Amino acid sequence: MSVDELSRVFAALADPTRRDIVARLSVADATVNQLAEPYRMSLQAVYKHLRVLEEAGVVTRAPGPQPRPVHLEIGALDSMDEWIEQYRGQAEERYQRLDRVLADMNEEDTP
């Protein structure tokens, strides 16, 4: 996944409504009407949220007549996870080195 694609995914998930939609789709596919039920917004607003998620590659809808189920694309989340894990691993290594240095310093201070 390119940096631009990753940026689109992170930007799409910056909105709490879109994160909630993704959370609900992680359980099961749903139609737009089903996704819209818990929100106090127009169906058109839900479609706008879905369009952002679709453009980022986070969700897809099969072509065809309504109602079409919305499907979560795990690949976009996997790419985010890989990116996060890369930096998490680097940070953990840095903290482990610091822990070793502090432990060595503590041993030197102990008579």
PDB file of N, CA and C in Angstrom:
ATOM      1  N   MET A   1       0.860  -1.179   0.000  1.00  0.00           N
ATOM      2  CA  MET A   1       0.000   0.000   0.000  1.00  0.00           C
ATOM      3  C   MET A   1       0.897   1.230   0.000  1.00  0.00           C
ATOM      4  N   SER A   2       0.607   2.170  -0.882  1.00  0.00           N
ATOM      5  CA  SER A   2       1.410   3.385  -0.967  1.00  0.00           C
ATOM      6  C   SER A   2       1.083   4.321   0.191  1.00  0.00           C
ATOM      7  N   VAL A   3       1.947   5.307   0.365  1.00  0.00           N
ATOM      8  CA  VAL A   3       1.744   6.284   1.437  1.00  0.00           C
ATOM      9  C   VAL A   3       0.426   7.026   1.230  1.00  0.00           C
ATOM     10  N   ASP A   4       0.115   7.380  -0.033  1.00  0.00           N
ATOM     11  CA  ASP A   4      -1.143   8.085  -0.305  1.00  0.00           C
ATOM     12  C   ASP A   4      -2.349   7.228   0.049  1.00  0.00           C
ATOM     13  N   GLU A   5      -2.292   5.932  -0.281  1.00  0.00           N
ATOM     14  CA  GLU A   5      -3.398   5.036   0.058  1.00  0.00           C
ATOM     15  C   GLU A   5      -3.532   4.905   1.572  1.00  0.00           C
ATOM     16  N   LEU A   6      -2.408   4.777   2.255  1.00  0.00           N
ATOM     17  CA  LEU A   6      -2.423   4.677   3.710  1.00  0.00           C
ATOM     18  C   LEU A   6      -2.984   5.962   4.323  1.00  0.00           C
ATOM     19  N   SER A   7      -2.613   7.100   3.768  1.00  0.00           N
ATOM     20  CA  SER A   7      -3.140   8.385   4.255  1.00  0.00           C
ATOM     21  C   SER A   7      -4.648   8.454   4.085  1.00  0.00           C
ATOM     22  N   ARG A   8      -5.157   7.957   2.956  1.00  0.00           N
ATOM     23  CA  ARG A   8      -6.609   7.962   2.731  1.00  0.00           C
ATOM     24  C   ARG A   8      -7.320   7.079   3.750  1.00  0.00           C
ATOM     25  N   VAL A   9      -6.719   5.925   4.065  1.00  0.00           N
ATOM     26  CA  VAL A   9      -7.338   5.026   5.042  1.00  0.00           C
ATOM     27  C   VAL A   9      -7.370   5.689   6.416  1.00  0.00           C
ATOM     28  N   PHE A  10      -6.229   6.244   6.840  1.00  0.00           N
ATOM     29  CA  PHE A  10      -6.199   6.912   8.144  1.00  0.00           C
ATOM     30  C   PHE A  10      -7.164   8.097   8.173  1.00  0.00           C
ATOM     31  N   ALA A  11      -7.220   8.866   7.099  1.00  0.00           N
ATOM     32  CA  ALA A  11      -8.137  10.016   7.058  1.00  0.00           C
ATOM     33  C   ALA A  11      -9.592   9.545   7.118  1.00  0.00           C
ATOM     34  N   ALA A  12      -9.900   8.468   6.409  1.00  0.00           N
ATOM     35  CA  ALA A  12     -11.273   7.949   6.427  1.00  0.00           C
ATOM     36  C   ALA A  12     -11.662   7.505   7.826  1.00  0.00           C
ATOM     37  N   LEU A  13     -10.721   6.927   8.550  1.00  0.00           N
ATOM     38  CA  LEU A  13     -11.024   6.415   9.888  1.00  0.00           C
ATOM     39  C   LEU A  13     -10.875   7.475  10.979  1.00  0.00           C
ATOM     40  N   ALA A  14     -10.553   8.699  10.591  1.00  0.00           N
ATOM     41  CA  ALA A  14     -10.436   9.778  11.574  1.00  0.00           C
ATOM     42  C   ALA A  14     -11.801  10.195  12.111  1.00  0.00           C
ATOM     43  N   ASP A  15     -12.848   9.877  11.387  1.00  0.00           N
ATOM     44  CA  ASP A  15     -14.203  10.263  11.788  1.00  0.00           C
ATOM     45  C   ASP A  15     -14.829   9.172  12.652  1.00  0.00           C
ATOM     46  N   PRO A  16     -15.402   9.534  13.811  1.00  0.00           N
ATOM     47  CA  PRO A  16     -15.974   8.517  14.705  1.00  0.00           C
ATOM     48  C   PRO A  16     -17.153   7.744  14.098  1.00  0.00           C
ATOM     49  N   THR A  17     -17.950   8.379  13.251  1.00  0.00           N
ATOM     50  CA  THR A  17     -19.059   7.657  12.618  1.00  0.00           C
ATOM     51  C   THR A  17     -18.517   6.589  11.685  1.00  0.00           C
ATOM     52  N   ARG A  18     -17.488   6.936  10.916  1.00  0.00           N
ATOM     53  CA  ARG A  18     -16.915   5.949   9.994  1.00  0.00           C
ATOM     54  C   ARG A  18     -16.226   4.817  10.759  1.00  0.00           C
ATOM     55  N   ARG A  19     -15.579   5.133  11.873  1.00  0.00           N
ATOM     56  CA  ARG A  19     -14.985   4.060  12.694  1.00  0.00           C
ATOM     57  C   ARG A  19     -16.081   3.147  13.232  1.00  0.00           C
ATOM     58  N   ASP A  20     -17.211   3.720  13.613  1.00  0.00           N
ATOM     59  CA  ASP A  20     -18.321   2.911  14.109  1.00  0.00           C
ATOM     60  C   ASP A  20     -18.880   2.021  12.999  1.00  0.00           C
ATOM     61  N   ILE A  21     -18.995   2.560  11.800  1.00  0.00           N
ATOM     62  CA  ILE A  21     -19.454   1.763  10.665  1.00  0.00           C
ATOM     63  C   ILE A  21     -18.505   0.588  10.442  1.00  0.00           C
ATOM     64  N   VAL A  22     -17.207   0.836  10.483  1.00  0.00           N
ATOM     65  CA  VAL A  22     -16.219  -0.236  10.303  1.00  0.00           C
ATOM     66  C   VAL A  22     -16.362  -1.271  11.413  1.00  0.00           C
ATOM     67  N   ALA A  23     -16.549  -0.823  12.632  1.00  0.00           N
ATOM     68  CA  ALA A  23     -16.716  -1.756  13.751  1.00  0.00           C
ATOM     69  C   ALA A  23     -17.946  -2.636  13.533  1.00  0.00           C
ATOM     70  N   ARG A  24     -19.018  -2.051  13.077  1.00  0.00           N
ATOM     71  CA  ARG A  24     -20.237  -2.830  12.846  1.00  0.00           C
ATOM     72  C   ARG A  24     -20.070  -3.792  11.674  1.00  0.00           C
ATOM     73  N   LEU A  25     -19.353  -3.359  10.639  1.00  0.00           N
ATOM     74  CA  LEU A  25     -19.125  -4.237   9.489  1.00  0.00           C
ATOM     75  C   LEU A  25     -18.130  -5.352   9.813  1.00  0.00           C
ATOM     76  N   SER A  26     -17.360  -5.186  10.867  1.00  0.00           N
ATOM     77  CA  SER A  26     -16.438  -6.262  11.257  1.00  0.00           C
ATOM     78  C   SER A  26     -17.217  -7.467  11.782  1.00  0.00           C
ATOM     79  N   VAL A  27     -18.444  -7.250  12.213  1.00  0.00           N
ATOM     80  CA  VAL A  27     -19.306  -8.325  12.710  1.00  0.00           C
ATOM     81  C   VAL A  27     -20.041  -8.994  11.545  1.00  0.00           C
ATOM     82  N   ALA A  28     -20.570  -8.185  10.618  1.00  0.00           N
ATOM     83  CA  ALA A  28     -21.314  -8.734   9.487  1.00  0.00           C
ATOM     84  C   ALA A  28     -21.525  -7.653   8.435  1.00  0.00           C
ATOM     85  N   ASP A  29     -21.648  -8.063   7.181  1.00  0.00           N
ATOM     86  CA  ASP A  29     -22.022  -7.136   6.119  1.00  0.00           C
ATOM     87  C   ASP A  29     -23.404  -6.570   6.435  1.00  0.00           C
ATOM     88  N   ALA A  30     -23.692  -5.392   5.907  1.00  0.00           N
ATOM     89  CA  ALA A  30     -24.986  -4.753   6.164  1.00  0.00           C
ATOM     90  C   ALA A  30     -25.356  -3.870   4.988  1.00  0.00           C
ATOM     91  N   THR A  31     -26.644  -3.639   4.828  1.00  0.00           N
ATOM     92  CA  THR A  31     -27.105  -2.701   3.808  1.00  0.00           C
ATOM     93  C   THR A  31     -26.926  -1.284   4.345  1.00  0.00           C
ATOM     94  N   VAL A  32     -27.027  -0.325   3.449  1.00  0.00           N
ATOM     95  CA  VAL A  32     -26.911   1.078   3.864  1.00  0.00           C
ATOM     96  C   VAL A  32     -28.006   1.422   4.860  1.00  0.00           C
ATOM     97  N   ASN A  33     -29.220   0.951   4.620  1.00  0.00           N
ATOM     98  CA  ASN A  33     -30.322   1.226   5.554  1.00  0.00           C
ATOM     99  C   ASN A  33     -30.028   0.653   6.935  1.00  0.00           C
ATOM    100  N   GLN A  34     -29.480  -0.552   6.986  1.00  0.00           N
ATOM    101  CA  GLN A  34     -29.137  -1.147   8.273  1.00  0.00           C
ATOM    102  C   GLN A  34     -28.035  -0.334   8.965  1.00  0.00           C
ATOM    103  N   LEU A  35     -27.061   0.119   8.181  1.00  0.00           N
ATOM    104  CA  LEU A  35     -25.978   0.920   8.762  1.00  0.00           C
ATOM    105  C   LEU A  35     -26.486   2.263   9.263  1.00  0.00           C
ATOM    106  N   ALA A  36     -27.496   2.817   8.599  1.00  0.00           N
ATOM    107  CA  ALA A  36     -28.011   4.146   8.949  1.00  0.00           C
ATOM    108  C   ALA A  36     -28.880   4.142  10.198  1.00  0.00           C
ATOM    109  N   GLU A  37     -29.438   2.986  10.560  1.00  0.00           N
ATOM    110  CA  GLU A  37     -30.420   2.915  11.649  1.00  0.00           C
ATOM    111  C   GLU A  37     -30.018   3.628  12.940  1.00  0.00           C
ATOM    112  N   PRO A  38     -28.823   3.410  13.487  1.00  0.00           N
ATOM    113  CA  PRO A  38     -28.548   4.006  14.793  1.00  0.00           C
ATOM    114  C   PRO A  38     -28.171   5.493  14.766  1.00  0.00           C
ATOM    115  N   TYR A  39     -28.010   6.065  13.595  1.00  0.00           N
ATOM    116  CA  TYR A  39     -27.520   7.440  13.522  1.00  0.00           C
ATOM    117  C   TYR A  39     -28.650   8.435  13.353  1.00  0.00           C
ATOM    118  N   ARG A  40     -28.460   9.591  13.946  1.00  0.00           N
ATOM    119  CA  ARG A  40     -29.417  10.686  13.797  1.00  0.00           C
ATOM    120  C   ARG A  40     -28.926  11.590  12.682  1.00  0.00           C
ATOM    121  N   MET A  41     -28.902  11.018  11.472  1.00  0.00           N
ATOM    122  CA  MET A  41     -28.491  11.769  10.288  1.00  0.00           C
ATOM    123  C   MET A  41     -29.263  11.231   9.102  1.00  0.00           C
ATOM    124  N   SER A  42     -29.243  11.979   8.032  1.00  0.00           N
ATOM    125  CA  SER A  42     -29.973  11.561   6.838  1.00  0.00           C
ATOM    126  C   SER A  42     -29.272  10.371   6.180  1.00  0.00           C
ATOM    127  N   LEU A  43     -30.024   9.658   5.381  1.00  0.00           N
ATOM    128  CA  LEU A  43     -29.465   8.549   4.618  1.00  0.00           C
ATOM    129  C   LEU A  43     -28.381   9.068   3.673  1.00  0.00           C
ATOM    130  N   GLN A  44     -28.589  10.267   3.143  1.00  0.00           N
ATOM    131  CA  GLN A  44     -27.606  10.887   2.265  1.00  0.00           C
ATOM    132  C   GLN A  44     -26.274  11.102   3.001  1.00  0.00           C
ATOM    133  N   ALA A  45     -26.314  11.479   4.263  1.00  0.00           N
ATOM    134  CA  ALA A  45     -25.093  11.676   5.043  1.00  0.00           C
ATOM    135  C   ALA A  45     -24.367  10.347   5.257  1.00  0.00           C
ATOM    136  N   VAL A  46     -25.127   9.281   5.469  1.00  0.00           N
ATOM    137  CA  VAL A  46     -24.515   7.960   5.625  1.00  0.00           C
ATOM    138  C   VAL A  46     -23.847   7.549   4.320  1.00  0.00           C
ATOM    139  N   TYR A  47     -24.500   7.816   3.186  1.00  0.00           N
ATOM    140  CA  TYR A  47     -23.894   7.526   1.882  1.00  0.00           C
ATOM    141  C   TYR A  47     -22.579   8.289   1.707  1.00  0.00           C
ATOM    142  N   LYS A  48     -22.526   9.530   2.185  1.00  0.00           N
ATOM    143  CA  LYS A  48     -21.283  10.304   2.088  1.00  0.00           C
ATOM    144  C   LYS A  48     -20.178   9.647   2.902  1.00  0.00           C
ATOM    145  N   HIS A  49     -20.502   9.189   4.105  1.00  0.00           N
ATOM    146  CA  HIS A  49     -19.513   8.481   4.921  1.00  0.00           C
ATOM    147  C   HIS A  49     -19.034   7.222   4.213  1.00  0.00           C
ATOM    148  N   LEU A  50     -19.975   6.483   3.628  1.00  0.00           N
ATOM    149  CA  LEU A  50     -19.607   5.258   2.917  1.00  0.00           C
ATOM    150  C   LEU A  50     -18.749   5.555   1.697  1.00  0.00           C
ATOM    151  N   ARG A  51     -19.023   6.643   1.014  1.00  0.00           N
ATOM    152  CA  ARG A  51     -18.225   7.017  -0.149  1.00  0.00           C
ATOM    153  C   ARG A  51     -16.769   7.261   0.264  1.00  0.00           C
ATOM    154  N   VAL A  52     -16.561   7.932   1.382  1.00  0.00           N
ATOM    155  CA  VAL A  52     -15.202   8.171   1.873  1.00  0.00           C
ATOM    156  C   VAL A  52     -14.517   6.838   2.177  1.00  0.00           C
ATOM    157  N   LEU A  53     -15.238   5.937   2.839  1.00  0.00           N
ATOM    158  CA  LEU A  53     -14.676   4.625   3.161  1.00  0.00           C
ATOM    159  C   LEU A  53     -14.399   3.815   1.889  1.00  0.00           C
ATOM    160  N   GLU A  54     -15.277   3.925   0.901  1.00  0.00           N
ATOM    161  CA  GLU A  54     -15.071   3.217  -0.369  1.00  0.00           C
ATOM    162  C   GLU A  54     -13.858   3.767  -1.107  1.00  0.00           C
ATOM    163  N   GLU A  55     -13.728   5.083  -1.170  1.00  0.00           N
ATOM    164  CA  GLU A  55     -12.602   5.699  -1.871  1.00  0.00           C
ATOM    165  C   GLU A  55     -11.271   5.342  -1.212  1.00  0.00           C
ATOM    166  N   ALA A  56     -11.292   5.087   0.089  1.00  0.00           N
ATOM    167  CA  ALA A  56     -10.083   4.696   0.813  1.00  0.00           C
ATOM    168  C   ALA A  56      -9.827   3.190   0.710  1.00  0.00           C
ATOM    169  N   GLY A  57     -10.777   2.452   0.140  1.00  0.00           N
ATOM    170  CA  GLY A  57     -10.612   1.008  -0.005  1.00  0.00           C
ATOM    171  C   GLY A  57     -10.949   0.215   1.242  1.00  0.00           C
ATOM    172  N   VAL A  58     -11.634   0.858   2.191  1.00  0.00           N
ATOM    173  CA  VAL A  58     -11.968   0.199   3.460  1.00  0.00           C
ATOM    174  C   VAL A  58     -13.225  -0.650   3.322  1.00  0.00           C
ATOM    175  N   VAL A  59     -14.172  -0.211   2.500  1.00  0.00           N
ATOM    176  CA  VAL A  59     -15.402  -0.977   2.272  1.00  0.00           C
ATOM    177  C   VAL A  59     -15.673  -1.055   0.774  1.00  0.00           C
ATOM    178  N   THR A  60     -16.478  -2.041   0.394  1.00  0.00           N
ATOM    179  CA  THR A  60     -16.927  -2.170  -0.988  1.00  0.00           C
ATOM    180  C   THR A  60     -18.415  -2.501  -0.998  1.00  0.00           C
ATOM    181  N   ARG A  61     -19.048  -2.187  -2.125  1.00  0.00           N
ATOM    182  CA  ARG A  61     -20.433  -2.591  -2.371  1.00  0.00           C
ATOM    183  C   ARG A  61     -20.469  -3.187  -3.767  1.00  0.00           C
ATOM    184  N   ALA A  62     -21.050  -4.355  -3.870  1.00  0.00           N
ATOM    185  CA  ALA A  62     -21.153  -5.009  -5.176  1.00  0.00           C
ATOM    186  C   ALA A  62     -22.073  -4.200  -6.081  1.00  0.00           C
ATOM    187  N   PRO A  63     -21.770  -4.165  -7.369  1.00  0.00           N
ATOM    188  CA  PRO A  63     -22.681  -3.460  -8.279  1.00  0.00           C
ATOM    189  C   PRO A  63     -24.005  -4.208  -8.392  1.00  0.00           C
ATOM    190  N   GLY A  64     -25.022  -3.469  -8.677  1.00  0.00           N
ATOM    191  CA  GLY A  64     -26.332  -4.102  -8.834  1.00  0.00           C
ATOM    192  C   GLY A  64     -27.412  -3.292  -8.174  1.00  0.00           C
ATOM    193  N   PRO A  65     -28.611  -3.835  -8.189  1.00  0.00           N
ATOM    194  CA  PRO A  65     -29.750  -3.108  -7.615  1.00  0.00           C
ATOM    195  C   PRO A  65     -29.680  -3.055  -6.091  1.00  0.00           C
ATOM    196  N   GLN A  66     -30.398  -2.084  -5.548  1.00  0.00           N
ATOM    197  CA  GLN A  66     -30.489  -1.947  -4.093  1.00  0.00           C
ATOM    198  C   GLN A  66     -31.377  -3.053  -3.549  1.00  0.00           C
ATOM    199  N   PRO A  67     -31.291  -3.503  -2.353  1.00  0.00           N
ATOM    200  CA  PRO A  67     -30.235  -3.165  -1.404  1.00  0.00           C
ATOM    201  C   PRO A  67     -28.981  -4.005  -1.662  1.00  0.00           C
ATOM    202  N   ARG A  68     -27.845  -3.330  -1.618  1.00  0.00           N
ATOM    203  CA  ARG A  68     -26.559  -3.998  -1.814  1.00  0.00           C
ATOM    204  C   ARG A  68     -25.826  -4.007  -0.484  1.00  0.00           C
ATOM    205  N   PRO A  69     -25.322  -5.151  -0.065  1.00  0.00           N
ATOM    206  CA  PRO A  69     -24.598  -5.168   1.204  1.00  0.00           C
ATOM    207  C   PRO A  69     -23.256  -4.446   1.096  1.00  0.00           C
ATOM    208  N   VAL A  70     -22.887  -3.803   2.181  1.00  0.00           N
ATOM    209  CA  VAL A  70     -21.585  -3.150   2.294  1.00  0.00           C
ATOM    210  C   VAL A  70     -20.662  -4.162   2.958  1.00  0.00           C
ATOM    211  N   HIS A  71     -19.466  -4.301   2.404  1.00  0.00           N
ATOM    212  CA  HIS A  71     -18.523  -5.316   2.866  1.00  0.00           C
ATOM    213  C   HIS A  71     -17.235  -4.641   3.336  1.00  0.00           C
ATOM    214  N   LEU A  72     -16.737  -5.044   4.495  1.00  0.00           N
ATOM    215  CA  LEU A  72     -15.472  -4.533   5.027  1.00  0.00           C
ATOM    216  C   LEU A  72     -14.325  -5.215   4.306  1.00  0.00           C
ATOM    217  N   GLU A  73     -13.374  -4.431   3.810  1.00  0.00           N
ATOM    218  CA  GLU A  73     -12.188  -4.949   3.135  1.00  0.00           C
ATOM    219  C   GLU A  73     -11.045  -5.030   4.144  1.00  0.00           C
ATOM    220  N   ILE A  74     -10.759  -6.237   4.583  1.00  0.00           N
ATOM    221  CA  ILE A  74      -9.761  -6.458   5.629  1.00  0.00           C
ATOM    222  C   ILE A  74      -8.370  -6.027   5.182  1.00  0.00           C
ATOM    223  N   GLY A  75      -8.088  -6.099   3.888  1.00  0.00           N
ATOM    224  CA  GLY A  75      -6.762  -5.742   3.379  1.00  0.00           C
ATOM    225  C   GLY A  75      -6.328  -4.338   3.768  1.00  0.00           C
ATOM    226  N   ALA A  76      -7.250  -3.388   3.747  1.00  0.00           N
ATOM    227  CA  ALA A  76      -6.906  -2.010   4.124  1.00  0.00           C
ATOM    228  C   ALA A  76      -6.510  -1.949   5.592  1.00  0.00           C
ATOM    229  N   LEU A  77      -7.206  -2.700   6.429  1.00  0.00           N
ATOM    230  CA  LEU A  77      -6.872  -2.721   7.857  1.00  0.00           C
ATOM    231  C   LEU A  77      -5.559  -3.456   8.092  1.00  0.00           C
ATOM    232  N   ASP A  78      -5.311  -4.513   7.308  1.00  0.00           N
ATOM    233  CA  ASP A  78      -4.039  -5.235   7.427  1.00  0.00           C
ATOM    234  C   ASP A  78      -2.867  -4.321   7.101  1.00  0.00           C
ATOM    235  N   SER A  79      -3.020  -3.493   6.077  1.00  0.00           N
ATOM    236  CA  SER A  79      -1.949  -2.567   5.696  1.00  0.00           C
ATOM    237  C   SER A  79      -1.675  -1.561   6.803  1.00  0.00           C
ATOM    238  N   MET A  80      -2.745  -1.064   7.431  1.00  0.00           N
ATOM    239  CA  MET A  80      -2.563  -0.146   8.561  1.00  0.00           C
ATOM    240  C   MET A  80      -1.834  -0.851   9.701  1.00  0.00           C
ATOM    241  N   ASP A  81      -2.242  -2.069   9.974  1.00  0.00           N
ATOM    242  CA  ASP A  81      -1.640  -2.837  11.054  1.00  0.00           C
ATOM    243  C   ASP A  81      -0.151  -3.066  10.806  1.00  0.00           C
ATOM    244  N   GLU A  82       0.208  -3.408   9.569  1.00  0.00           N
ATOM    245  CA  GLU A  82       1.621  -3.605   9.229  1.00  0.00           C
ATOM    246  C   GLU A  82       2.412  -2.327   9.456  1.00  0.00           C
ATOM    247  N   TRP A  83       1.854  -1.205   9.035  1.00  0.00           N
ATOM    248  CA  TRP A  83       2.544   0.073   9.199  1.00  0.00           C
ATOM    249  C   TRP A  83       2.736   0.398  10.677  1.00  0.00           C
ATOM    250  N   ILE A  84       1.682   0.217  11.463  1.00  0.00           N
ATOM    251  CA  ILE A  84       1.746   0.496  12.906  1.00  0.00           C
ATOM    252  C   ILE A  84       2.741  -0.440  13.586  1.00  0.00           C
ATOM    253  N   GLU A  85       2.686  -1.720  13.253  1.00  0.00           N
ATOM    254  CA  GLU A  85       3.558  -2.710  13.892  1.00  0.00           C
ATOM    255  C   GLU A  85       5.024  -2.446  13.602  1.00  0.00           C
ATOM    256  N   GLN A  86       5.326  -1.933  12.415  1.00  0.00           N
ATOM    257  CA  GLN A  86       6.709  -1.597  12.083  1.00  0.00           C
ATOM    258  C   GLN A  86       7.265  -0.592  13.092  1.00  0.00           C
ATOM    259  N   TYR A  87       6.508   0.439  13.368  1.00  0.00           N
ATOM    260  CA  TYR A  87       6.980   1.478  14.283  1.00  0.00           C
ATOM    261  C   TYR A  87       6.840   1.068  15.737  1.00  0.00           C
ATOM    262  N   ARG A  88       5.853   0.240  16.036  1.00  0.00           N
ATOM    263  CA  ARG A  88       5.719  -0.279  17.395  1.00  0.00           C
ATOM    264  C   ARG A  88       6.951  -1.130  17.736  1.00  0.00           C
ATOM    265  N   GLY A  89       7.364  -1.967  16.803  1.00  0.00           N
ATOM    266  CA  GLY A  89       8.539  -2.813  17.012  1.00  0.00           C
ATOM    267  C   GLY A  89       9.788  -1.984  17.244  1.00  0.00           C
ATOM    268  N   GLN A  90       9.967  -0.935  16.457  1.00  0.00           N
ATOM    269  CA  GLN A  90      11.129  -0.060  16.636  1.00  0.00           C
ATOM    270  C   GLN A  90      11.094   0.620  17.998  1.00  0.00           C
ATOM    271  N   ALA A  91       9.935   1.091  18.408  1.00  0.00           N
ATOM    272  CA  ALA A  91       9.811   1.758  19.704  1.00  0.00           C
ATOM    273  C   ALA A  91      10.065   0.777  20.846  1.00  0.00           C
ATOM    274  N   GLU A  92       9.546  -0.443  20.728  1.00  0.00           N
ATOM    275  CA  GLU A  92       9.769  -1.447  21.774  1.00  0.00           C
ATOM    276  C   GLU A  92      11.251  -1.783  21.908  1.00  0.00           C
ATOM    277  N   GLU A  93      11.960  -1.887  20.781  1.00  0.00           N
ATOM    278  CA  GLU A  93      13.401  -2.144  20.828  1.00  0.00           C
ATOM    279  C   GLU A  93      14.119  -1.002  21.546  1.00  0.00           C
ATOM    280  N   ARG A  94      13.727   0.225  21.247  1.00  0.00           N
ATOM    281  CA  ARG A  94      14.344   1.387  21.886  1.00  0.00           C
ATOM    282  C   ARG A  94      14.118   1.365  23.398  1.00  0.00           C
ATOM    283  N   TYR A  95      12.894   1.047  23.825  1.00  0.00           N
ATOM    284  CA  TYR A  95      12.589   0.991  25.257  1.00  0.00           C
ATOM    285  C   TYR A  95      13.317  -0.159  25.945  1.00  0.00           C
ATOM    286  N   GLN A  96      13.476  -1.282  25.246  1.00  0.00           N
ATOM    287  CA  GLN A  96      14.221  -2.394  25.826  1.00  0.00           C
ATOM    288  C   GLN A  96      15.689  -2.026  26.019  1.00  0.00           C
ATOM    289  N   ARG A  97      16.259  -1.298  25.066  1.00  0.00           N
ATOM    290  CA  ARG A  97      17.653  -0.827  25.232  1.00  0.00           C
ATOM    291  C   ARG A  97      17.751   0.111  26.421  1.00  0.00           C
ATOM    292  N   LEU A  98      16.794   1.005  26.560  1.00  0.00           N
ATOM    293  CA  LEU A  98      16.789   1.932  27.697  1.00  0.00           C
ATOM    294  C   LEU A  98      16.665   1.166  29.009  1.00  0.00           C
ATOM    295  N   ASP A  99      15.795   0.153  29.048  1.00  0.00           N
ATOM    296  CA  ASP A  99      15.657  -0.671  30.258  1.00  0.00           C
ATOM    297  C   ASP A  99      16.985  -1.320  30.628  1.00  0.00           C
ATOM    298  N   ARG A 100      17.720  -1.817  29.629  1.00  0.00           N
ATOM    299  CA  ARG A 100      19.027  -2.450  29.905  1.00  0.00           C
ATOM    300  C   ARG A 100      20.028  -1.439  30.448  1.00  0.00           C
ATOM    301  N   VAL A 101      20.047  -0.248  29.864  1.00  0.00           N
ATOM    302  CA  VAL A 101      20.963   0.794  30.340  1.00  0.00           C
ATOM    303  C   VAL A 101      20.629   1.168  31.780  1.00  0.00           C
ATOM    304  N   LEU A 102      19.341   1.348  32.075  1.00  0.00           N
ATOM    305  CA  LEU A 102      18.943   1.705  33.436  1.00  0.00           C
ATOM    306  C   LEU A 102      19.263   0.580  34.418  1.00  0.00           C
ATOM    307  N   ALA A 103      19.070  -0.665  34.011  1.00  0.00           N
ATOM    308  CA  ALA A 103      19.404  -1.793  34.879  1.00  0.00           C
ATOM    309  C   ALA A 103      20.901  -1.832  35.144  1.00  0.00           C
ATOM    310  N   ASP A 104      21.711  -1.592  34.122  1.00  0.00           N
ATOM    311  CA  ASP A 104      23.172  -1.558  34.301  1.00  0.00           C
ATOM    312  C   ASP A 104      23.576  -0.428  35.238  1.00  0.00           C
ATOM    313  N   MET A 105      22.942   0.726  35.086  1.00  0.00           N
ATOM    314  CA  MET A 105      23.258   1.863  35.957  1.00  0.00           C
ATOM    315  C   MET A 105      22.875   1.534  37.395  1.00  0.00           C
ATOM    316  N   ASN A 106      21.758   0.868  37.585  1.00  0.00           N
ATOM    317  CA  ASN A 106      21.292   0.495  38.923  1.00  0.00           C
ATOM    318  C   ASN A 106      22.261  -0.488  39.566  1.00  0.00           C
ATOM    319  N   GLU A 107      22.784  -1.430  38.784  1.00  0.00           N
ATOM    320  CA  GLU A 107      23.758  -2.400  39.296  1.00  0.00           C
ATOM    321  C   GLU A 107      25.054  -1.704  39.707  1.00  0.00           C
ATOM    322  N   GLU A 108      25.465  -0.686  38.953  1.00  0.00           N
ATOM    323  CA  GLU A 108      26.687   0.042  39.289  1.00  0.00           C
ATOM    324  C   GLU A 108      26.527   0.840  40.573  1.00  0.00           C
ATOM    325  N   ASP A 109      25.308   1.318  40.852  1.00  0.00           N
ATOM    326  CA  ASP A 109      25.055   2.104  42.064  1.00  0.00           C
ATOM    327  C   ASP A 109      24.912   1.231  43.301  1.00  0.00           C
ATOM    328  N   THR A 110      24.649  -0.069  43.116  1.00  0.00           N
ATOM    329  CA  THR A 110      24.459  -0.968  44.246  1.00  0.00           C
ATOM    330  C   THR A 110      25.845  -1.363  44.785  1.00  0.00           C
ATOM    331  N   PRO A 111      26.090  -1.133  46.139  1.00  0.00           N
ATOM    332  CA  PRO A 111      27.411  -1.473  46.691  1.00  0.00           C
ATOM    333  C   PRO A 111      27.660  -2.966  46.796  1.00  0.00           C
TER     334      PRO A 111
END
